[in-house]
């Protein structure tokens, strides 16, 4: 039997393609689909009467929601982990706070 040739992939950016910076992501997975919602946190500081500043509100702007099949979700997780492992092999460990030590706003990451 002859060798099966695979199609060539050509990359094309959609008209809505954009680069966005995200502070974090909300993730969930169920038997039907995986969801990743990327967000940016923005502080809304206020000046107090004594001149000091405080933050009473953190505005969480949802940027984009990505839906994947469970297989696609796991494939993405494996690709991310592989990239992290290669990066840490070259540059050292990326330090992350243990979940119990994170502030409430950081729990979604």
N, C-alpha and C. Protein backbone atom coordinates (compact mmCIF):
# COMPACT_ATOMS: atom_id res chain seq x y z
N UNK A 1 0.84 -1.18 0.00
CA UNK A 1 0.00 0.00 0.00
C UNK A 1 0.88 1.24 0.00
N UNK A 2 0.37 2.28 -0.61
CA UNK A 2 1.11 3.54 -0.68
C UNK A 2 0.99 4.33 0.60
N UNK A 3 1.89 5.26 0.74
CA UNK A 3 1.91 6.12 1.92
C UNK A 3 0.78 7.14 1.82
N UNK A 4 0.08 7.37 2.92
CA UNK A 4 -1.01 8.34 2.96
C UNK A 4 -0.41 9.73 3.15
N UNK A 5 -0.78 10.66 2.30
CA UNK A 5 -0.27 12.02 2.45
C UNK A 5 -1.28 12.84 3.25
N UNK A 6 -0.76 13.65 4.14
CA UNK A 6 -1.60 14.50 4.97
C UNK A 6 -1.78 15.86 4.29
N UNK A 7 -2.92 16.48 4.50
CA UNK A 7 -3.13 17.80 3.90
C UNK A 7 -2.20 18.84 4.53
N UNK A 8 -1.90 19.86 3.77
CA UNK A 8 -1.08 20.96 4.25
C UNK A 8 -2.00 21.97 4.96
N UNK A 9 -1.57 22.47 6.11
CA UNK A 9 -2.35 23.47 6.82
C UNK A 9 -1.86 24.86 6.43
N UNK A 10 -2.79 25.74 6.17
CA UNK A 10 -2.46 27.13 5.90
C UNK A 10 -3.14 27.97 6.97
N UNK A 11 -2.37 28.83 7.63
CA UNK A 11 -2.92 29.69 8.67
C UNK A 11 -3.47 30.96 8.07
N UNK A 12 -4.65 31.34 8.53
CA UNK A 12 -5.28 32.57 8.10
C UNK A 12 -5.95 33.20 9.31
N UNK A 13 -5.66 34.46 9.57
CA UNK A 13 -6.31 35.16 10.68
C UNK A 13 -7.68 35.64 10.25
N UNK A 14 -8.67 35.42 11.11
CA UNK A 14 -10.01 35.91 10.82
C UNK A 14 -10.02 37.43 10.95
N UNK A 15 -11.04 38.06 10.42
CA UNK A 15 -11.13 39.52 10.52
C UNK A 15 -11.28 39.97 11.97
N UNK A 16 -11.80 39.10 12.83
CA UNK A 16 -11.99 39.47 14.24
C UNK A 16 -10.78 39.09 15.11
N UNK A 17 -9.71 38.57 14.49
CA UNK A 17 -8.52 38.18 15.26
C UNK A 17 -7.94 39.40 15.96
N UNK A 18 -7.52 39.19 17.23
CA UNK A 18 -6.86 40.26 17.98
C UNK A 18 -6.02 39.63 19.08
N UNK A 19 -5.07 40.39 19.56
CA UNK A 19 -4.26 39.98 20.69
C UNK A 19 -4.82 40.68 21.92
N UNK A 20 -4.98 39.94 23.00
CA UNK A 20 -5.52 40.53 24.23
C UNK A 20 -4.68 40.04 25.41
N UNK A 21 -4.40 40.93 26.35
CA UNK A 21 -3.72 40.55 27.59
C UNK A 21 -4.78 40.11 28.59
N UNK A 22 -4.55 39.01 29.27
CA UNK A 22 -5.50 38.51 30.26
C UNK A 22 -4.83 38.43 31.63
N UNK A 23 -5.58 38.76 32.68
CA UNK A 23 -5.11 38.61 34.06
C UNK A 23 -5.28 37.17 34.54
N UNK A 24 -6.24 36.48 33.97
CA UNK A 24 -6.52 35.12 34.41
C UNK A 24 -7.61 34.49 33.58
N UNK A 25 -8.07 33.36 34.04
CA UNK A 25 -9.11 32.62 33.32
C UNK A 25 -9.99 31.86 34.29
N UNK A 26 -11.25 31.76 33.92
CA UNK A 26 -12.20 30.91 34.62
C UNK A 26 -12.34 29.66 33.76
N UNK A 27 -12.24 28.50 34.36
CA UNK A 27 -12.30 27.26 33.57
C UNK A 27 -13.32 26.29 34.15
N UNK A 28 -13.95 25.54 33.27
CA UNK A 28 -14.84 24.47 33.72
C UNK A 28 -14.87 23.39 32.65
N UNK A 29 -15.19 22.18 33.09
CA UNK A 29 -15.25 21.03 32.19
C UNK A 29 -16.40 20.15 32.63
N UNK A 30 -17.22 19.76 31.67
CA UNK A 30 -18.28 18.79 31.94
C UNK A 30 -18.24 17.75 30.82
N UNK A 31 -19.07 16.73 30.87
CA UNK A 31 -18.99 15.67 29.84
C UNK A 31 -19.22 16.17 28.40
N UNK A 32 -19.84 17.34 28.24
CA UNK A 32 -20.15 17.83 26.90
C UNK A 32 -19.13 18.81 26.33
N UNK A 33 -18.53 19.64 27.21
CA UNK A 33 -17.62 20.66 26.72
C UNK A 33 -16.76 21.23 27.83
N UNK A 34 -15.65 21.81 27.41
CA UNK A 34 -14.80 22.57 28.30
C UNK A 34 -14.95 24.04 27.97
N UNK A 35 -14.89 24.88 28.98
CA UNK A 35 -15.03 26.32 28.78
C UNK A 35 -13.86 27.03 29.44
N UNK A 36 -13.29 27.99 28.72
CA UNK A 36 -12.26 28.87 29.27
C UNK A 36 -12.71 30.29 28.99
N UNK A 37 -12.85 31.09 30.05
CA UNK A 37 -13.21 32.50 29.90
C UNK A 37 -12.02 33.32 30.39
N UNK A 38 -11.40 34.04 29.47
CA UNK A 38 -10.27 34.89 29.82
C UNK A 38 -10.79 36.23 30.29
N UNK A 39 -10.12 36.80 31.31
CA UNK A 39 -10.55 38.08 31.87
C UNK A 39 -9.38 38.98 32.21
N UNK A 40 -9.68 40.26 32.41
CA UNK A 40 -8.73 41.25 32.90
C UNK A 40 -9.34 41.86 34.16
N UNK A 41 -8.56 41.92 35.22
CA UNK A 41 -8.99 42.61 36.45
C UNK A 41 -8.47 44.04 36.41
N UNK A 42 -9.35 44.99 36.70
CA UNK A 42 -8.98 46.40 36.77
C UNK A 42 -9.37 46.94 38.13
N UNK A 43 -8.41 47.58 38.79
CA UNK A 43 -8.66 48.17 40.08
C UNK A 43 -9.35 49.52 39.90
N UNK A 44 -10.27 49.82 40.80
CA UNK A 44 -10.94 51.12 40.80
C UNK A 44 -10.61 51.82 42.11
N UNK A 45 -9.43 52.47 42.19
CA UNK A 45 -9.03 53.11 43.45
C UNK A 45 -9.83 54.38 43.70
N UNK A 46 -9.97 54.72 44.98
CA UNK A 46 -10.60 55.98 45.35
C UNK A 46 -9.69 56.69 46.33
N UNK A 47 -9.77 58.01 46.34
CA UNK A 47 -8.98 58.81 47.27
C UNK A 47 -9.85 59.09 48.49
N UNK A 48 -9.35 58.72 49.65
CA UNK A 48 -10.07 58.91 50.90
C UNK A 48 -9.91 60.36 51.36
N UNK A 49 -10.77 60.82 52.27
CA UNK A 49 -10.69 62.20 52.76
C UNK A 49 -9.31 62.56 53.34
N UNK A 50 -8.61 61.58 53.91
CA UNK A 50 -7.28 61.86 54.49
C UNK A 50 -6.16 61.84 53.44
N UNK A 51 -6.53 61.64 52.17
CA UNK A 51 -5.53 61.64 51.10
C UNK A 51 -5.00 60.26 50.75
N UNK A 52 -5.29 59.27 51.58
CA UNK A 52 -4.84 57.91 51.26
C UNK A 52 -5.72 57.32 50.16
N UNK A 53 -5.23 56.25 49.58
CA UNK A 53 -6.01 55.60 48.53
C UNK A 53 -6.43 54.21 48.99
N UNK A 54 -7.58 53.77 48.52
CA UNK A 54 -8.04 52.42 48.82
C UNK A 54 -8.76 51.88 47.59
N UNK A 55 -8.85 50.57 47.55
CA UNK A 55 -9.56 49.91 46.45
C UNK A 55 -10.76 49.18 47.05
N UNK A 56 -11.94 49.58 46.64
CA UNK A 56 -13.15 48.94 47.12
C UNK A 56 -13.74 47.99 46.09
N UNK A 57 -13.38 48.21 44.83
CA UNK A 57 -13.97 47.42 43.76
C UNK A 57 -12.87 46.98 42.79
N UNK A 58 -12.92 45.73 42.41
CA UNK A 58 -12.09 45.22 41.33
C UNK A 58 -13.06 44.86 40.21
N UNK A 59 -12.90 45.51 39.06
CA UNK A 59 -13.77 45.25 37.93
C UNK A 59 -13.15 44.12 37.11
N UNK A 60 -13.89 43.04 36.94
CA UNK A 60 -13.42 41.89 36.17
C UNK A 60 -14.11 41.93 34.81
N UNK A 61 -13.34 42.28 33.77
CA UNK A 61 -13.88 42.36 32.42
C UNK A 61 -13.64 41.04 31.70
N UNK A 62 -14.71 40.40 31.27
CA UNK A 62 -14.61 39.14 30.54
C UNK A 62 -14.26 39.47 29.08
N UNK A 63 -13.17 38.88 28.59
CA UNK A 63 -12.67 39.20 27.26
C UNK A 63 -13.17 38.27 26.18
N UNK A 64 -13.03 36.97 26.42
CA UNK A 64 -13.43 36.00 25.41
C UNK A 64 -13.73 34.67 26.09
N UNK A 65 -14.72 33.97 25.56
CA UNK A 65 -15.08 32.65 26.06
C UNK A 65 -14.77 31.63 24.97
N UNK A 66 -14.00 30.63 25.31
CA UNK A 66 -13.60 29.60 24.36
C UNK A 66 -14.24 28.28 24.77
N UNK A 67 -14.89 27.62 23.83
CA UNK A 67 -15.52 26.32 24.08
C UNK A 67 -14.73 25.25 23.34
N UNK A 68 -14.48 24.13 24.01
CA UNK A 68 -13.76 23.00 23.42
C UNK A 68 -14.45 21.71 23.80
N UNK A 69 -14.27 20.70 22.97
CA UNK A 69 -14.73 19.36 23.36
C UNK A 69 -13.86 18.90 24.53
N UNK A 70 -14.29 17.91 25.32
CA UNK A 70 -13.41 17.41 26.37
C UNK A 70 -12.05 16.94 25.84
N UNK A 71 -12.02 16.34 24.66
CA UNK A 71 -10.75 15.91 24.07
C UNK A 71 -9.89 17.12 23.73
N UNK A 72 -10.50 18.14 23.12
CA UNK A 72 -9.77 19.36 22.81
C UNK A 72 -9.28 20.06 24.06
N UNK A 73 -10.10 20.06 25.11
CA UNK A 73 -9.75 20.68 26.39
C UNK A 73 -8.51 19.99 26.97
N UNK A 74 -8.52 18.65 26.98
CA UNK A 74 -7.37 17.90 27.51
C UNK A 74 -6.15 18.09 26.62
N UNK A 75 -6.32 18.11 25.31
CA UNK A 75 -5.19 18.33 24.40
C UNK A 75 -4.56 19.69 24.65
N UNK A 76 -5.39 20.71 24.88
CA UNK A 76 -4.87 22.04 25.19
C UNK A 76 -4.10 22.02 26.51
N UNK A 77 -4.68 21.37 27.52
CA UNK A 77 -4.00 21.28 28.82
C UNK A 77 -2.65 20.59 28.69
N UNK A 78 -2.59 19.53 27.89
CA UNK A 78 -1.33 18.81 27.70
C UNK A 78 -0.31 19.67 26.95
N UNK A 79 -0.76 20.42 25.95
CA UNK A 79 0.13 21.31 25.20
C UNK A 79 0.66 22.42 26.11
N UNK A 80 -0.21 22.99 26.95
CA UNK A 80 0.22 24.03 27.89
C UNK A 80 1.25 23.46 28.86
N UNK A 81 0.98 22.29 29.43
CA UNK A 81 1.90 21.67 30.37
C UNK A 81 3.25 21.38 29.71
N UNK A 82 3.24 20.88 28.50
CA UNK A 82 4.48 20.60 27.78
C UNK A 82 5.31 21.87 27.59
N UNK A 83 4.63 22.97 27.22
CA UNK A 83 5.33 24.25 27.05
C UNK A 83 5.89 24.77 28.36
N UNK A 84 5.13 24.62 29.44
CA UNK A 84 5.59 25.05 30.77
C UNK A 84 6.81 24.24 31.19
N UNK A 85 6.75 22.94 31.01
CA UNK A 85 7.88 22.08 31.39
C UNK A 85 9.14 22.44 30.61
N UNK A 86 9.01 22.70 29.32
CA UNK A 86 10.17 23.08 28.50
C UNK A 86 10.71 24.44 28.94
N UNK A 87 9.82 25.39 29.21
CA UNK A 87 10.25 26.70 29.68
C UNK A 87 11.00 26.58 31.00
N UNK A 88 10.44 25.82 31.95
CA UNK A 88 11.08 25.67 33.26
C UNK A 88 12.41 24.93 33.16
N UNK A 89 12.52 24.01 32.22
CA UNK A 89 13.78 23.32 32.03
C UNK A 89 14.88 24.31 31.63
N UNK A 90 14.52 25.29 30.80
CA UNK A 90 15.50 26.28 30.33
C UNK A 90 15.67 27.45 31.30
N UNK A 91 14.57 27.91 31.91
CA UNK A 91 14.61 29.18 32.65
C UNK A 91 14.38 29.05 34.14
N UNK A 92 14.06 27.87 34.64
CA UNK A 92 13.79 27.71 36.07
C UNK A 92 12.29 27.70 36.35
N UNK A 93 12.00 27.29 37.56
CA UNK A 93 10.60 27.09 37.97
C UNK A 93 9.81 28.39 37.96
N UNK A 94 8.59 28.30 37.48
CA UNK A 94 7.63 29.39 37.59
C UNK A 94 6.92 29.20 38.93
N UNK A 95 7.10 30.13 39.83
CA UNK A 95 6.54 29.98 41.17
C UNK A 95 5.10 30.49 41.21
N UNK A 96 4.21 29.66 41.77
CA UNK A 96 2.80 29.99 41.90
C UNK A 96 2.42 29.76 43.35
N UNK A 97 1.62 30.68 43.91
CA UNK A 97 1.16 30.50 45.29
C UNK A 97 0.27 29.26 45.38
N UNK A 98 0.44 28.47 46.45
CA UNK A 98 -0.50 27.34 46.65
C UNK A 98 -1.93 27.87 46.77
N UNK A 99 -2.88 27.08 46.33
CA UNK A 99 -4.28 27.52 46.29
C UNK A 99 -4.77 28.07 47.63
N UNK A 100 -4.37 27.48 48.74
CA UNK A 100 -4.81 27.94 50.05
C UNK A 100 -4.29 29.30 50.44
N UNK A 101 -3.23 29.77 49.78
CA UNK A 101 -2.64 31.06 50.11
C UNK A 101 -3.07 32.17 49.16
N UNK A 102 -3.84 31.85 48.12
CA UNK A 102 -4.26 32.86 47.16
C UNK A 102 -5.37 33.71 47.74
N UNK A 103 -5.40 34.95 47.32
CA UNK A 103 -6.52 35.82 47.67
C UNK A 103 -7.73 35.41 46.85
N UNK A 104 -8.92 35.82 47.27
CA UNK A 104 -10.15 35.43 46.59
C UNK A 104 -10.10 35.71 45.11
N UNK A 105 -9.57 36.87 44.72
CA UNK A 105 -9.58 37.24 43.31
C UNK A 105 -8.68 36.36 42.45
N UNK A 106 -7.75 35.65 43.10
CA UNK A 106 -6.80 34.81 42.36
C UNK A 106 -7.27 33.35 42.25
N UNK A 107 -8.39 33.00 42.85
CA UNK A 107 -8.80 31.60 42.90
C UNK A 107 -9.21 31.04 41.56
N UNK A 108 -9.50 31.89 40.60
CA UNK A 108 -9.97 31.40 39.31
C UNK A 108 -8.84 30.93 38.42
N UNK A 109 -7.62 31.21 38.79
CA UNK A 109 -6.48 30.87 37.92
C UNK A 109 -5.99 29.47 38.23
